[in-house]
Protein backbone atom coordinates (compact mmCIF):
# COMPACT_ATOMS: atom_id res chain seq x y z
CA MET A 1 109.20 197.50 201.25
CA ILE A 2 111.28 199.60 203.63
CA THR A 3 112.92 196.40 205.00
CA TYR A 4 114.06 195.25 201.51
CA LEU A 5 115.54 198.63 200.77
CA ILE A 6 117.52 198.54 204.02
CA VAL A 7 118.85 194.98 203.26
CA ALA A 8 119.91 195.96 199.74
CA ALA A 9 121.73 199.02 201.05
CA VAL A 10 123.56 196.97 203.68
CA SER A 11 124.61 194.30 201.03
CA LEU A 12 126.02 196.94 198.72
CA LEU A 13 127.86 198.47 201.62
CA ALA A 14 129.37 195.06 202.53
CA LEU A 15 130.54 194.34 198.94
CA GLY A 16 132.13 197.73 198.69
CA THR A 17 133.88 197.27 202.01
CA GLY A 18 135.21 193.77 200.90
CA ALA A 19 136.58 195.12 197.65
CA GLY A 20 138.31 197.90 199.46
CA VAL A 21 139.89 195.50 201.95
CA ALA A 22 141.11 193.23 199.11
CA TYR A 23 142.69 196.17 197.35
CA TYR A 24 144.32 197.29 200.56
CA TRP A 25 145.87 193.85 201.29
CA THR A 26 147.10 193.41 197.71
CA LYS A 27 148.81 196.80 197.73
CA ARG A 28 150.36 196.07 201.07
CA ARG A 29 151.81 192.70 199.95
CA PHE A 30 153.31 194.17 196.84
CA SER A 31 154.80 197.09 198.74
CA LYS A 32 156.74 194.61 200.88
CA GLN A 33 158.43 192.94 197.87
CA PRO A 34 162.09 193.92 197.17
CA SER A 35 162.60 196.56 194.51
CA VAL A 36 163.72 195.64 190.98
CA SER A 37 166.83 197.74 191.26
CA SER A 38 168.09 196.07 194.46
CA GLU A 39 167.10 192.35 193.99
CA PRO A 40 166.71 189.98 191.05
CA GLN A 41 163.37 190.06 189.23
CA ILE A 42 160.70 187.73 190.69
CA LYS A 43 159.15 185.32 188.34
CA GLU A 44 155.42 185.38 187.49
CA ASN A 45 154.86 181.78 188.59
CA ASP A 46 156.08 182.62 192.09
CA LEU A 47 153.46 185.42 192.51
CA GLN A 48 150.30 183.47 191.57
CA PRO A 49 149.95 181.54 194.85
CA LYS A 50 150.31 184.69 196.82
CA VAL A 51 147.69 186.47 194.72
CA LYS A 52 145.25 183.62 195.21
CA GLU A 53 145.90 183.67 198.91
CA ILE A 54 145.17 187.39 199.06
CA ILE A 55 141.96 186.97 197.04
CA ILE A 56 140.78 184.18 199.34
CA GLU A 57 141.45 186.30 202.40
CA ALA A 58 139.57 189.22 200.81
CA LYS A 59 136.58 186.98 200.02
CA ASP A 60 136.56 185.72 203.57
CA GLU A 61 136.62 189.23 204.92
CA ALA A 62 133.85 190.25 202.51
CA TYR A 63 131.76 187.22 203.54
CA ARG A 64 132.27 188.06 207.19
CA ILE A 65 131.24 191.70 206.59
CA LYS A 66 128.18 190.52 204.60
CA LYS A 67 127.11 188.25 207.46
CA ALA A 68 127.41 191.09 209.92
CA ALA A 69 125.41 193.36 207.62
CA GLU A 70 122.69 190.76 207.18
CA GLU A 71 122.51 190.30 210.98
CA GLU A 72 122.21 194.04 211.45
CA ALA A 73 119.52 194.18 208.75
CA ARG A 74 117.55 191.45 210.52
CA THR A 75 117.82 193.43 213.78
CA ILE A 76 116.58 196.58 212.07
CA ARG A 77 113.77 194.58 210.44
CA ARG A 78 112.61 193.30 213.84
CA GLU A 79 112.63 196.83 215.28
CA VAL A 80 110.64 198.13 212.31
CA LEU A 81 108.09 195.36 212.76
CA GLN A 82 107.77 196.22 216.45
CA LEU A 83 107.22 199.91 215.60
CA GLU A 84 104.57 198.98 213.05
CA GLN A 85 102.79 196.88 215.67
CA ARG A 86 102.86 199.72 218.20
CA LEU A 87 101.49 202.16 215.64
CA SER A 88 98.70 199.78 214.80
CA GLN A 89 97.82 199.40 218.49
CA LYS A 90 97.79 203.19 218.97
CA GLU A 91 95.55 203.64 215.93
CA GLU A 92 93.12 201.10 217.34
CA THR A 93 93.17 202.85 220.76
CA LEU A 94 92.54 206.26 219.17
CA GLU A 95 89.66 204.86 217.12
CA ARG A 96 88.10 203.43 220.28
CA LYS A 97 88.48 206.78 222.13
CA ILE A 98 87.03 208.73 219.22
CA GLY A 99 84.10 206.38 219.14
CA ALA A 100 83.57 206.85 222.88
CA LEU A 101 83.72 210.65 222.53
CA GLU A 102 81.21 210.61 219.70
CA GLU A 103 78.91 208.48 221.80
CA ARG A 104 79.28 210.85 224.77
CA GLU A 105 78.58 213.85 222.54
CA ARG A 106 75.39 212.19 221.27
CA ASN A 107 74.37 211.50 224.89
CA LEU A 108 75.02 215.13 225.92
CA THR A 109 73.01 216.45 223.00
CA THR A 110 70.14 214.20 223.98
CA ARG A 111 70.32 215.35 227.64
CA ASN A 112 70.43 219.04 226.63
CA GLU A 113 67.31 218.57 224.58
CA GLU A 114 65.60 216.85 227.52
CA LEU A 115 66.69 219.68 229.91
CA ALA A 116 65.38 222.33 227.53
CA LYS A 117 62.02 220.58 227.41
CA LYS A 118 61.93 220.30 231.20
CA SER A 119 62.84 224.02 231.57
CA GLU A 120 59.97 224.96 229.29
CA GLU A 121 57.64 222.80 231.34
CA LEU A 122 58.88 224.34 234.63
CA GLU A 123 58.48 227.89 233.29
CA LYS A 124 54.98 227.05 232.19
CA ILE A 125 54.14 225.62 235.63
CA LYS A 126 55.72 228.71 237.30
CA GLN A 127 53.63 231.11 235.25
CA GLU A 128 50.50 229.09 236.05
CA GLN A 129 51.32 229.22 239.79
CA ILE A 130 52.00 232.98 239.65
CA ALA A 131 48.70 233.53 237.89
CA LYS A 132 46.91 231.47 240.58
CA LEU A 133 48.63 233.48 243.36
CA GLU A 134 47.66 236.78 241.72
CA ARG A 135 44.03 235.65 241.49
CA VAL A 136 44.01 234.52 245.13
CA ALA A 137 45.85 237.63 246.54
CA GLY A 138 44.11 240.15 244.31
CA LEU A 139 47.53 241.75 243.44
CA THR A 140 49.58 241.76 240.30
CA ARG A 141 53.13 240.55 240.33
CA GLU A 142 54.52 244.09 240.19
CA GLU A 143 52.27 245.26 243.03
CA ALA A 144 53.34 242.37 245.26
CA LYS A 145 56.98 243.05 244.44
CA GLY A 146 56.52 246.72 245.31
CA LEU A 147 55.01 245.88 248.72
CA ILE A 148 57.87 243.55 249.54
CA MET A 149 60.47 246.12 248.46
CA GLU A 150 58.81 248.85 250.54
CA ALA A 151 58.89 246.67 253.65
CA VAL A 152 62.54 245.75 253.09
CA ASP A 153 63.47 249.39 252.35
CA ALA A 154 61.83 250.63 255.56
CA LYS A 155 63.64 248.02 257.59
CA LEU A 156 66.95 248.82 255.96
CA LYS A 157 66.51 252.57 256.44
CA GLU A 158 65.98 252.10 260.14
CA GLU A 159 69.03 249.87 260.45
CA ILE A 160 71.21 252.12 258.27
CA GLY A 161 70.13 255.23 260.19
CA ARG A 162 71.04 253.61 263.49
CA LYS A 163 74.44 252.51 262.18
CA ILE A 164 75.14 255.96 260.73
CA LYS A 165 74.22 257.65 264.02
CA GLU A 166 76.50 255.34 265.99
CA ALA A 167 79.37 255.88 263.55
CA GLN A 168 78.86 259.65 263.63
CA GLU A 169 78.94 259.73 267.41
CA VAL A 170 82.15 257.71 267.54
CA ALA A 171 83.75 259.78 264.78
CA LYS A 172 82.68 263.05 266.43
CA ASP A 173 84.11 262.07 269.80
CA GLU A 174 87.39 261.00 268.23
CA ALA A 175 87.55 264.09 266.00
CA ASP A 176 86.85 266.43 268.94
CA ARG A 177 89.56 264.80 271.02
CA LYS A 178 92.12 264.93 268.21
CA ALA A 179 91.17 268.49 267.27
CA ARG A 180 91.64 269.66 270.86
CA GLU A 181 95.07 268.08 270.98
CA ILE A 182 96.14 269.65 267.69
CA ILE A 183 94.80 273.11 268.54
CA VAL A 184 96.33 273.16 272.02
CA ALA A 185 99.70 272.08 270.61
CA ALA A 186 99.52 274.79 267.94
CA MET A 187 98.53 277.50 270.44
CA GLN A 188 101.29 276.57 272.86
CA SER A 189 103.92 276.80 270.14
CA SER A 190 102.92 280.18 268.69
CA ALA A 191 101.28 282.44 271.29
CA THR A 192 102.49 286.06 271.12
CA ASP A 193 101.91 289.29 273.00
CA TYR A 194 100.14 292.37 271.66
CA VAL A 195 100.56 296.10 272.04
CA PRO A 196 97.01 297.50 272.01
CA GLU A 197 96.46 300.76 270.20
CA TYR A 198 93.58 303.19 269.89
CA THR A 199 92.19 305.37 267.15
CA THR A 200 93.78 308.36 268.84
CA SER A 201 97.37 309.28 269.65
CA LEU A 202 98.72 311.60 272.32
CA VAL A 203 101.68 313.96 271.94
CA LYS A 204 103.21 315.34 275.11
CA LEU A 205 104.25 319.00 275.13
CA PRO A 206 107.21 320.42 277.02
CA ASP A 207 105.05 323.26 278.31
CA GLU A 208 101.68 324.91 277.80
CA ASP A 209 103.17 327.73 275.73
CA MET A 210 103.90 325.22 272.99
CA LYS A 211 100.16 324.88 272.30
CA GLY A 212 100.02 328.51 271.24
CA ARG A 213 102.98 328.09 268.91
CA ILE A 214 101.39 324.99 267.38
CA ILE A 215 98.12 326.86 266.80
CA GLY A 216 99.96 329.82 265.30
CA ARG A 217 98.71 333.25 264.38
CA GLU A 218 95.00 333.04 263.66
CA GLY A 219 95.34 329.23 263.66
CA ARG A 220 97.41 329.02 260.48
CA ASN A 221 99.86 326.44 261.87
CA ILE A 222 97.16 324.08 263.14
CA ARG A 223 95.28 324.42 259.84
CA ALA A 224 98.45 323.61 257.91
CA LEU A 225 99.05 320.55 260.09
CA GLU A 226 95.51 319.27 259.64
CA ALA A 227 95.48 319.96 255.89
CA THR A 228 98.88 318.35 255.30
CA THR A 229 98.41 315.27 257.44
CA GLY A 230 94.63 314.73 257.22
CA VAL A 231 94.46 314.34 261.01
CA ASP A 232 92.34 316.21 263.55
CA PHE A 233 94.38 318.03 266.24
CA ASP A 234 92.33 318.26 269.43
CA MET A 235 93.64 321.12 271.58
CA ASP A 236 91.46 320.30 274.59
CA GLU A 237 91.95 321.43 278.14
CA THR A 238 94.17 318.49 279.10
CA PRO A 239 97.39 320.18 280.18
CA GLY A 240 100.59 319.28 278.38
CA VAL A 241 98.91 316.97 275.82
CA ILE A 242 97.59 317.24 272.25
CA ARG A 243 95.24 314.51 271.05
CA LEU A 244 95.49 313.39 267.40
CA SER A 245 92.38 311.71 266.00
CA CYS A 246 92.11 309.85 262.68
CA PHE A 247 90.64 306.57 261.44
CA ASP A 248 93.79 305.95 259.35
CA PRO A 249 96.59 304.83 261.71
CA VAL A 250 99.29 305.56 259.12
CA ARG A 251 98.26 309.16 258.72
CA ARG A 252 97.95 309.46 262.49
CA GLU A 253 101.48 308.12 262.94
CA ILE A 254 102.85 310.55 260.31
CA ALA A 255 101.14 313.45 262.10
CA LYS A 256 102.44 312.32 265.50
CA VAL A 257 106.06 311.94 264.38
CA SER A 258 105.91 315.20 262.40
CA LEU A 259 104.58 317.14 265.39
CA GLU A 260 107.24 315.67 267.67
CA ARG A 261 109.95 316.67 265.19
CA LEU A 262 108.53 320.19 264.88
CA ILE A 263 108.47 320.58 268.66
CA VAL A 264 112.11 319.51 268.89
CA ASP A 265 113.09 321.74 265.96
CA GLY A 266 111.17 324.73 267.27
CA ARG A 267 110.48 326.20 263.82
CA ILE A 268 106.71 325.82 263.51
CA GLN A 269 105.31 327.59 260.47
CA PRO A 270 103.36 326.41 257.37
CA GLY A 271 106.35 325.99 255.04
CA ARG A 272 108.37 324.10 257.60
CA ILE A 273 105.32 321.98 258.48
CA GLU A 274 104.91 320.82 254.87
CA GLU A 275 108.62 320.02 254.61
CA VAL A 276 108.69 317.99 257.84
CA VAL A 277 105.45 316.15 257.05
CA GLU A 278 106.73 315.14 253.61
CA LYS A 279 110.03 313.90 255.02
CA THR A 280 108.21 312.03 257.79
CA ARG A 281 105.87 310.41 255.26
CA LYS A 282 108.85 309.05 253.33
CA ASP A 283 110.44 307.80 256.53
CA ILE A 284 107.22 306.08 257.62
CA GLU A 285 106.86 304.44 254.19
CA LYS A 286 110.40 303.15 254.52
CA ILE A 287 109.66 301.86 258.03
CA MET A 288 106.49 300.15 256.79
CA HIS A 289 108.33 298.51 253.90
CA GLU A 290 110.97 297.19 256.28
CA ALA A 291 108.21 295.95 258.60
CA GLY A 292 106.57 294.17 255.67
CA GLU A 293 109.84 292.54 254.66
CA ASP A 294 110.42 291.47 258.25
CA LEU A 295 106.91 290.00 258.46
CA VAL A 296 107.37 288.05 255.23
CA TYR A 297 110.74 286.78 256.44
CA LYS A 298 109.38 285.68 259.82
CA ALA A 299 106.46 283.97 258.11
CA GLY A 300 108.88 281.92 256.02
CA VAL A 301 107.42 283.06 252.70
CA SER A 302 109.48 284.54 249.88
CA HIS A 303 109.15 286.11 246.43
CA PHE A 304 106.17 288.37 247.17
CA PRO A 305 105.51 291.42 244.96
CA ARG A 306 106.68 294.76 246.37
CA GLU A 307 103.14 296.17 246.46
CA ILE A 308 101.97 293.36 248.72
CA VAL A 309 105.04 293.73 250.97
CA ASN A 310 104.30 297.46 251.33
CA LEU A 311 100.66 296.76 252.20
CA LEU A 312 101.68 294.18 254.79
CA GLY A 313 104.00 296.80 256.30
CA ARG A 314 100.96 298.99 256.97
CA PHE A 315 99.91 296.45 259.58
CA LYS A 316 102.59 297.92 261.85
CA TYR A 317 100.23 300.85 262.52
CA ARG A 318 96.94 299.04 261.92
CA THR A 319 94.71 297.54 264.60
CA SER A 320 91.56 295.43 264.57
CA TYR A 321 89.52 295.25 267.77
CA GLY A 322 92.56 296.79 269.45
CA GLN A 323 94.70 293.92 268.15
CA ASN A 324 97.89 294.93 266.33
CA MET A 325 97.56 293.55 262.80
CA LEU A 326 101.28 292.86 262.34
CA GLN A 327 101.46 290.66 265.42
CA HIS A 328 98.05 289.13 264.72
CA THR A 329 99.09 288.16 261.18
CA LEU A 330 102.33 286.59 262.40
CA GLU A 331 100.44 284.64 265.06
CA VAL A 332 97.91 283.37 262.51
CA VAL A 333 100.78 282.24 260.25
CA ASN A 334 102.42 280.34 263.11
CA LEU A 335 99.15 278.77 264.24
CA ALA A 336 98.15 277.78 260.70
CA LYS A 337 101.60 276.33 260.00
CA ALA A 338 101.45 274.20 263.16
CA LEU A 339 97.96 272.98 262.31
CA ALA A 340 98.91 272.20 258.69
CA VAL A 341 101.88 270.14 259.83
CA GLN A 342 99.70 268.17 262.27
CA ILE A 343 96.95 267.54 259.71
CA GLY A 344 99.23 266.92 256.72
CA ALA A 345 98.09 269.84 254.55
CA ASN A 346 100.16 271.92 252.13
CA VAL A 347 102.27 274.01 254.54
CA THR A 348 103.54 276.48 251.91
CA LEU A 349 100.04 277.26 250.61
CA THR A 350 98.71 277.53 254.18
CA LYS A 351 101.39 280.08 255.15
CA GLN A 352 100.70 282.19 252.05
CA ILE A 353 96.95 282.32 252.73
CA ALA A 354 97.55 283.04 256.43
CA LEU A 355 99.97 285.87 255.65
CA LEU A 356 97.48 287.54 253.29
CA HIS A 357 94.15 286.66 254.95
CA ASP A 358 93.69 290.26 256.23
CA LEU A 359 95.43 291.98 253.31
CA GLY A 360 92.26 293.91 252.43
CA LYS A 361 92.29 295.66 255.82
CA ALA A 362 95.47 297.48 254.78
CA VAL A 363 93.41 299.50 252.26
CA SER A 364 90.05 299.47 254.04
CA ALA A 365 90.15 303.26 254.31
CA GLU A 366 90.64 303.60 250.54
CA VAL A 367 88.63 300.75 249.00
CA GLU A 368 85.07 299.80 249.88
CA GLY A 369 83.90 296.23 250.28
CA PRO A 370 84.57 293.20 252.50
CA HIS A 371 88.27 292.98 253.28
CA ALA A 372 88.42 289.32 252.12
CA GLU A 373 87.26 290.23 248.61
CA VAL A 374 89.49 293.32 248.49
CA GLY A 375 92.51 291.27 249.56
CA ALA A 376 91.73 288.59 246.98
CA ASP A 377 91.55 291.25 244.22
CA ILE A 378 94.95 292.63 245.27
CA ALA A 379 96.49 289.14 245.29
CA LYS A 380 95.02 288.35 241.86
CA ARG A 381 96.24 291.66 240.45
CA ASN A 382 99.77 290.83 241.60
CA GLY A 383 99.78 287.43 239.91
CA LEU A 384 99.47 285.10 242.90
CA THR A 385 98.17 281.57 242.35
CA LYS A 386 94.49 280.71 242.04
CA GLU A 387 94.59 278.66 245.27
CA VAL A 388 95.91 281.64 247.26
CA VAL A 389 93.35 284.04 245.77
CA GLU A 390 90.42 281.71 246.46
CA GLY A 391 91.72 280.98 249.96
CA ILE A 392 91.79 284.70 250.81
CA ALA A 393 88.35 285.35 249.30
CA SER A 394 86.64 282.52 251.20
CA GLN A 395 87.94 283.37 254.68
CA HIS A 396 84.54 284.49 255.99
CA ASP A 397 82.40 282.09 253.94
CA ASP A 398 80.83 278.84 255.07
CA ASP A 399 82.09 277.12 251.93
CA LEU A 400 85.87 277.40 252.21
CA SER A 401 87.82 276.82 249.01
CA SER A 402 90.32 274.27 250.38
CA LEU A 403 91.62 272.49 253.45
CA GLU A 404 94.39 275.09 253.74
CA ALA A 405 91.83 277.94 253.73
CA ALA A 406 89.87 276.17 256.49
CA ILE A 407 93.05 275.85 258.58
CA VAL A 408 93.71 279.58 258.22
CA ALA A 409 90.12 280.40 259.24
CA VAL A 410 90.54 278.27 262.38
CA ALA A 411 93.88 279.90 263.18
CA ASP A 412 92.34 283.37 262.71
CA ALA A 413 89.51 282.50 265.08
CA ILE A 414 91.94 281.15 267.68
CA SER A 415 94.11 284.27 267.48
CA GLY A 416 91.17 286.61 267.94
CA ALA A 417 89.31 284.58 270.54
CA ARG A 418 92.05 283.74 273.01
CA PRO A 419 92.05 285.80 276.24
CA GLY A 420 93.89 289.12 276.02
CA ALA A 421 94.18 289.12 272.25
CA ARG A 422 91.69 291.90 271.59
CA ARG A 423 91.15 295.05 273.52
CA GLU A 424 87.45 295.58 273.87
CA SER A 425 85.65 296.24 277.11
CA LEU A 426 83.17 293.65 278.29
CA GLU A 427 80.39 296.25 278.44
CA GLU A 428 80.93 297.34 274.83
CA TYR A 429 81.04 293.73 273.63
CA ILE A 430 77.84 292.77 275.47
CA LYS A 431 76.10 295.90 274.22
CA ARG A 432 77.05 295.22 270.60
CA VAL A 433 76.01 291.56 270.74
CA SER A 434 72.71 292.43 272.45
CA GLU A 435 71.92 295.02 269.77
CA LEU A 436 72.49 292.44 267.04
CA GLU A 437 70.19 289.93 268.72
CA ASN A 438 67.51 292.55 269.44
CA VAL A 439 67.48 293.74 265.84
CA ALA A 440 67.05 290.18 264.55
CA SER A 441 64.35 289.32 267.12
CA SER A 442 62.32 292.42 266.26
CA PHE A 443 61.11 290.92 262.97
CA PRO A 444 57.83 288.93 262.92
CA GLY A 445 58.20 285.20 262.46
CA VAL A 446 61.49 285.04 264.38
CA GLU A 447 61.50 282.61 267.29
CA LYS A 448 65.04 283.18 268.61
CA SER A 449 68.26 284.84 267.52
CA PHE A 450 71.84 284.32 268.61
CA ALA A 451 74.96 286.39 267.95
CA ILE A 452 77.91 284.03 267.48
CA GLN A 453 81.56 284.21 266.42
CA ALA A 454 82.20 287.34 268.52
CA GLY A 455 79.39 289.18 266.77
CA ARG A 456 80.42 288.31 263.24
CA GLU A 457 77.32 286.19 262.58
CA VAL A 458 73.68 286.28 263.70
CA ARG A 459 71.89 282.93 263.69
CA VAL A 460 68.09 283.39 263.40
CA LEU A 461 65.58 280.60 264.10
CA ALA A 462 62.37 281.17 262.14
CA ILE A 463 58.91 279.87 263.05
CA PRO A 464 58.03 277.34 260.32
CA SER A 465 54.31 278.07 260.45
CA GLU A 466 54.87 281.81 259.85
CA ILE A 467 57.93 281.88 257.56
CA SER A 468 58.02 279.77 254.40
CA ASP A 469 61.09 278.63 252.54
CA ALA A 470 60.57 281.33 249.95
CA GLU A 471 60.36 284.05 252.61
CA MET A 472 63.60 283.05 254.34
CA THR A 473 65.80 284.86 251.82
CA LYS A 474 63.85 288.10 252.18
CA LEU A 475 63.92 287.86 255.97
CA ALA A 476 67.71 287.44 255.99
CA HIS A 477 68.08 290.43 253.65
CA ASP A 478 65.81 292.65 255.77
CA ILE A 479 67.65 291.79 258.99
CA ALA A 480 71.03 292.50 257.37
CA GLU A 481 69.79 295.87 256.09
CA LYS A 482 68.51 296.90 259.50
CA ILE A 483 71.75 295.84 261.23
CA HIS A 484 73.72 297.85 258.69
CA SER A 485 71.68 300.99 259.32
CA SER A 486 71.22 300.80 263.09
CA VAL A 487 74.22 299.01 264.65
CA THR A 488 77.86 300.06 264.75
CA TYR A 489 80.12 297.06 264.24
CA PRO A 490 83.57 296.31 262.82
CA GLY A 491 84.01 294.32 259.63
CA GLN A 492 80.87 292.55 258.47
CA VAL A 493 78.03 290.57 260.04
CA LYS A 494 76.57 287.50 258.34
CA VAL A 495 72.88 286.74 258.88
CA THR A 496 71.82 283.07 258.73
CA VAL A 497 68.11 282.16 258.90
CA VAL A 498 67.26 278.59 259.90
CA ARG A 499 63.79 277.11 259.37
CA GLU A 500 63.28 273.66 260.85
CA THR A 501 60.21 271.42 260.81
CA ARG A 502 60.10 268.68 263.43
CA ALA A 503 57.86 265.62 263.77
CA VAL A 504 57.56 264.10 267.26
CA ASP A 505 55.93 260.83 268.28
CA VAL A 506 55.94 258.74 271.45
CA ALA A 507 56.35 254.97 271.60
CA LYS A 508 53.91 253.46 274.13
């Protein structure tokens, strides 16, 4: 049907083309004839042959165009027939493939059904075999599985324990080596000197007569000095010297400077004493504030509240174990900063904690409690960050709040433990440590006791057969109470009770 439509369309197209060509030739012939105005009129009989000739030529051209169209139609018809044959072949191929797929699907379904039946048969045989094994072994399936798992677990525990021990030894050796390198590098870059001080100060007199003037009539001058400064003036028999005694180094410094100014001025009487002491107190406060600002600047920390800067300035006249607190704090900052850089910790946070780690000692004469907690309260009151507050509070705890706090604790220990840092005689140190160990060993159930960390901690080994886990807490509390009441020590002493049970066997 499509072929006939194509042939009809081509025939119509050929006829139309022939008619157009005939019209074109006729118009062209007539346009070449001379005009009526210029030549004589042509007769009708002369035009008929020419018209016939034109018509014949047009028919020939139309016939030729028709032949070409028919040839083209036959070509198109052959191509269409070829396409129809190809389509038929493809349809037959697709039908064969579909039939093959359907056959394969039926085969797969059959095989799946056979496999399902075989699986059921295998499961049935398996259950029968398990039942036979349980009857023969006298164990249920779960019991046999438990025995196997216990044997495997024991073997794995032994292997895992050995691997862990080997890894720990390698890691410990490497960590010790690296730690020594880091600590030595930090110590070499930040070691400082100290000016040891005592709890007493000496004021030299120009002559012995000055003692009488300082005492005054009926002792009124010396009483005014002691009442105004809060310092004891010891007028002993040492010639040319007055000894000032006070646990507060700031008050002792105010009294010392005031007395020196009064001696130079020469006017020693109660009214003048009060005036000089007040002026000296203001000057010392100014000096301490400047010292605090200088310490903060050298530590590389900025934007600290004024109250904290003033308290840090008190370290200029404060000592711990004979160690000047201002220099000690600066050394701890430098050590901690060097360690933080080596380890990759937060350097800014480390410096802040190091600068304030002994802040509570600045008010130890006014506020009771461990200096770490007191310093943390001051820092919190002044709006410092939570990390800084927790770092200060955990300085003497086993569970340090952060890596930066641990670095500061290490730096503090290095600063206090290095030779020459603290002024304490060997005899006094040995006596204090021995007293701590003796007090701990005096309790029943204690096997051994050791004073460690320069006397800051007492490690007690309890006898497991005499001290239970529940009694360990009470034993630690009792030892701490007795140390508090019978031993003189700086700061605080932590008591740690260790109870260990050991099992020993010999491979033969």
